[in-house]
Amino acid sequence: MKVSKQIGIYMKQRGLNLSEVARRTGLDYHSLYTSLYQESSNRDLRAEELIPLCIFLDVDPREFAQQKQWS
């Protein structure tokens, strides 16, 4: 599974509101939604989105590359 979709799962499991995340990180809501949640999309997060998002989540981006199961 792609890193973007892994982050989407992580955020859903933690009950994070995407609108709030977008507002607090300054990232575009629609771009985040497309990358993280839209199943039919192949859009990955851009580096300019991935890094601020992981900083906000306080998670090392390498954790998602390992396809860790978040529980």
N, C-alpha and C. Protein backbone atom coordinates (compact mmCIF):
# COMPACT_ATOMS: atom_id res chain seq x y z
N MET A 1 0.85 -1.18 0.00
CA MET A 1 0.00 0.00 0.00
C MET A 1 0.90 1.25 0.00
N LYS A 2 0.47 2.25 -0.74
CA LYS A 2 1.25 3.49 -0.85
C LYS A 2 1.30 4.24 0.49
N VAL A 3 2.37 4.99 0.64
CA VAL A 3 2.57 5.79 1.85
C VAL A 3 1.38 6.72 2.10
N SER A 4 0.89 7.36 1.05
CA SER A 4 -0.23 8.29 1.21
C SER A 4 -1.44 7.60 1.81
N LYS A 5 -1.76 6.41 1.33
CA LYS A 5 -2.92 5.68 1.84
C LYS A 5 -2.66 5.20 3.28
N GLN A 6 -1.40 4.85 3.59
CA GLN A 6 -1.05 4.47 4.96
C GLN A 6 -1.29 5.63 5.93
N ILE A 7 -0.93 6.82 5.51
CA ILE A 7 -1.16 7.99 6.35
C ILE A 7 -2.65 8.23 6.52
N GLY A 8 -3.43 8.04 5.46
CA GLY A 8 -4.87 8.18 5.56
C GLY A 8 -5.47 7.21 6.58
N ILE A 9 -5.01 5.97 6.56
CA ILE A 9 -5.48 4.98 7.54
C ILE A 9 -5.10 5.41 8.95
N TYR A 10 -3.87 5.85 9.12
CA TYR A 10 -3.39 6.31 10.41
C TYR A 10 -4.27 7.44 10.95
N MET A 11 -4.57 8.40 10.09
CA MET A 11 -5.38 9.54 10.51
C MET A 11 -6.81 9.12 10.85
N LYS A 12 -7.40 8.24 10.05
CA LYS A 12 -8.76 7.77 10.32
C LYS A 12 -8.83 7.02 11.65
N GLN A 13 -7.84 6.17 11.90
CA GLN A 13 -7.82 5.39 13.13
C GLN A 13 -7.69 6.29 14.37
N ARG A 14 -7.12 7.45 14.18
CA ARG A 14 -6.97 8.38 15.30
C ARG A 14 -8.08 9.42 15.34
N GLY A 15 -9.01 9.30 14.42
CA GLY A 15 -10.16 10.19 14.42
C GLY A 15 -9.83 11.64 14.10
N LEU A 16 -8.79 11.85 13.32
CA LEU A 16 -8.39 13.22 12.97
C LEU A 16 -9.30 13.77 11.88
N ASN A 17 -9.72 14.99 12.06
CA ASN A 17 -10.58 15.68 11.12
C ASN A 17 -9.71 16.30 10.03
N LEU A 18 -9.94 15.91 8.79
CA LEU A 18 -9.09 16.38 7.69
C LEU A 18 -9.18 17.89 7.50
N SER A 19 -10.35 18.47 7.69
CA SER A 19 -10.48 19.93 7.57
C SER A 19 -9.61 20.65 8.58
N GLU A 20 -9.60 20.13 9.79
CA GLU A 20 -8.78 20.73 10.85
C GLU A 20 -7.29 20.55 10.55
N VAL A 21 -6.92 19.37 10.09
CA VAL A 21 -5.52 19.11 9.74
C VAL A 21 -5.08 20.05 8.62
N ALA A 22 -5.90 20.19 7.60
CA ALA A 22 -5.56 21.08 6.48
C ALA A 22 -5.40 22.52 6.96
N ARG A 23 -6.33 22.96 7.79
CA ARG A 23 -6.27 24.33 8.30
C ARG A 23 -5.01 24.55 9.13
N ARG A 24 -4.71 23.62 10.02
CA ARG A 24 -3.58 23.80 10.93
C ARG A 24 -2.22 23.63 10.25
N THR A 25 -2.18 22.88 9.16
CA THR A 25 -0.91 22.70 8.45
C THR A 25 -0.74 23.68 7.29
N GLY A 26 -1.85 24.30 6.88
CA GLY A 26 -1.79 25.20 5.73
C GLY A 26 -1.80 24.47 4.40
N LEU A 27 -2.11 23.17 4.44
CA LEU A 27 -2.15 22.37 3.22
C LEU A 27 -3.55 22.39 2.62
N ASP A 28 -3.62 22.19 1.32
CA ASP A 28 -4.89 22.22 0.60
C ASP A 28 -5.73 20.99 0.94
N TYR A 29 -6.95 21.22 1.40
CA TYR A 29 -7.86 20.15 1.80
C TYR A 29 -8.09 19.17 0.66
N HIS A 30 -8.41 19.66 -0.51
CA HIS A 30 -8.75 18.78 -1.64
C HIS A 30 -7.57 17.92 -2.07
N SER A 31 -6.39 18.47 -2.05
CA SER A 31 -5.20 17.69 -2.39
C SER A 31 -4.96 16.59 -1.35
N LEU A 32 -5.12 16.94 -0.08
CA LEU A 32 -4.97 15.93 0.97
C LEU A 32 -6.02 14.84 0.84
N TYR A 33 -7.26 15.24 0.64
CA TYR A 33 -8.34 14.26 0.52
C TYR A 33 -8.07 13.30 -0.64
N THR A 34 -7.70 13.85 -1.77
CA THR A 34 -7.43 13.02 -2.95
C THR A 34 -6.29 12.04 -2.69
N SER A 35 -5.23 12.50 -2.08
CA SER A 35 -4.07 11.64 -1.82
C SER A 35 -4.33 10.61 -0.74
N LEU A 36 -5.01 11.02 0.32
CA LEU A 36 -5.14 10.15 1.50
C LEU A 36 -6.34 9.21 1.45
N TYR A 37 -7.45 9.68 0.91
CA TYR A 37 -8.70 8.94 1.07
C TYR A 37 -9.38 8.48 -0.21
N GLN A 38 -9.15 9.14 -1.32
CA GLN A 38 -9.89 8.81 -2.53
C GLN A 38 -9.30 7.54 -3.17
N GLU A 39 -10.05 6.46 -3.05
CA GLU A 39 -9.59 5.15 -3.52
C GLU A 39 -9.26 5.14 -5.01
N SER A 40 -10.02 5.86 -5.80
CA SER A 40 -9.83 5.83 -7.26
C SER A 40 -8.66 6.70 -7.72
N SER A 41 -8.05 7.42 -6.80
CA SER A 41 -6.95 8.32 -7.18
C SER A 41 -5.60 7.67 -6.95
N ASN A 42 -4.69 7.92 -7.87
CA ASN A 42 -3.31 7.47 -7.72
C ASN A 42 -2.40 8.61 -7.28
N ARG A 43 -2.99 9.73 -6.86
CA ARG A 43 -2.19 10.90 -6.47
C ARG A 43 -1.50 10.63 -5.14
N ASP A 44 -0.18 10.72 -5.14
CA ASP A 44 0.58 10.62 -3.90
C ASP A 44 0.79 12.00 -3.31
N LEU A 45 1.04 12.04 -2.03
CA LEU A 45 1.40 13.30 -1.39
C LEU A 45 2.70 13.81 -2.00
N ARG A 46 2.78 15.10 -2.18
CA ARG A 46 4.02 15.73 -2.62
C ARG A 46 4.92 15.89 -1.39
N ALA A 47 6.20 16.02 -1.61
CA ALA A 47 7.14 16.23 -0.50
C ALA A 47 6.73 17.45 0.33
N GLU A 48 6.23 18.48 -0.37
CA GLU A 48 5.81 19.72 0.33
C GLU A 48 4.58 19.48 1.20
N GLU A 49 3.89 18.38 0.98
CA GLU A 49 2.72 18.03 1.79
C GLU A 49 3.09 16.98 2.85
N LEU A 50 3.90 16.01 2.44
CA LEU A 50 4.26 14.91 3.32
C LEU A 50 4.98 15.39 4.58
N ILE A 51 5.98 16.22 4.40
CA ILE A 51 6.81 16.65 5.54
C ILE A 51 5.99 17.45 6.55
N PRO A 52 5.27 18.51 6.15
CA PRO A 52 4.47 19.23 7.15
C PRO A 52 3.39 18.36 7.80
N LEU A 53 2.83 17.44 7.04
CA LEU A 53 1.80 16.56 7.59
C LEU A 53 2.40 15.64 8.65
N CYS A 54 3.55 15.06 8.37
CA CYS A 54 4.20 14.19 9.35
C CYS A 54 4.67 14.97 10.58
N ILE A 55 5.12 16.20 10.38
CA ILE A 55 5.48 17.03 11.53
C ILE A 55 4.24 17.28 12.39
N PHE A 56 3.12 17.60 11.75
CA PHE A 56 1.88 17.82 12.48
C PHE A 56 1.47 16.56 13.24
N LEU A 57 1.60 15.40 12.59
CA LEU A 57 1.22 14.13 13.22
C LEU A 57 2.24 13.66 14.24
N ASP A 58 3.41 14.28 14.24
CA ASP A 58 4.53 13.91 15.11
C ASP A 58 4.94 12.45 14.87
N VAL A 59 5.07 12.11 13.58
CA VAL A 59 5.45 10.77 13.17
C VAL A 59 6.54 10.87 12.11
N ASP A 60 7.54 10.02 12.22
CA ASP A 60 8.61 9.94 11.23
C ASP A 60 8.02 9.37 9.95
N PRO A 61 8.18 10.04 8.80
CA PRO A 61 7.60 9.54 7.55
C PRO A 61 8.08 8.14 7.17
N ARG A 62 9.25 7.75 7.65
CA ARG A 62 9.76 6.41 7.34
C ARG A 62 8.89 5.32 7.94
N GLU A 63 8.16 5.65 8.99
CA GLU A 63 7.25 4.67 9.61
C GLU A 63 6.20 4.20 8.62
N PHE A 64 5.72 5.09 7.79
CA PHE A 64 4.68 4.75 6.82
C PHE A 64 5.24 3.91 5.67
N ALA A 65 6.48 4.12 5.33
CA ALA A 65 7.10 3.37 4.25
C ALA A 65 7.27 1.90 4.61
N GLN A 66 7.26 1.60 5.89
CA GLN A 66 7.42 0.22 6.35
C GLN A 66 6.08 -0.51 6.43
N GLN A 67 4.99 0.15 6.00
CA GLN A 67 3.65 -0.40 6.00
C GLN A 67 3.27 -0.99 7.36
N LYS A 68 3.61 -0.27 8.38
CA LYS A 68 3.29 -0.66 9.74
C LYS A 68 1.79 -0.66 9.94
N GLN A 69 1.27 -1.62 10.64
CA GLN A 69 -0.15 -1.64 10.96
C GLN A 69 -0.38 -0.80 12.20
N TRP A 70 -1.16 0.25 12.07
CA TRP A 70 -1.43 1.16 13.19
C TRP A 70 -2.64 0.66 13.94
N SER A 71 -2.48 0.51 15.22
CA SER A 71 -3.61 0.06 16.03
C SER A 71 -3.76 0.91 17.26
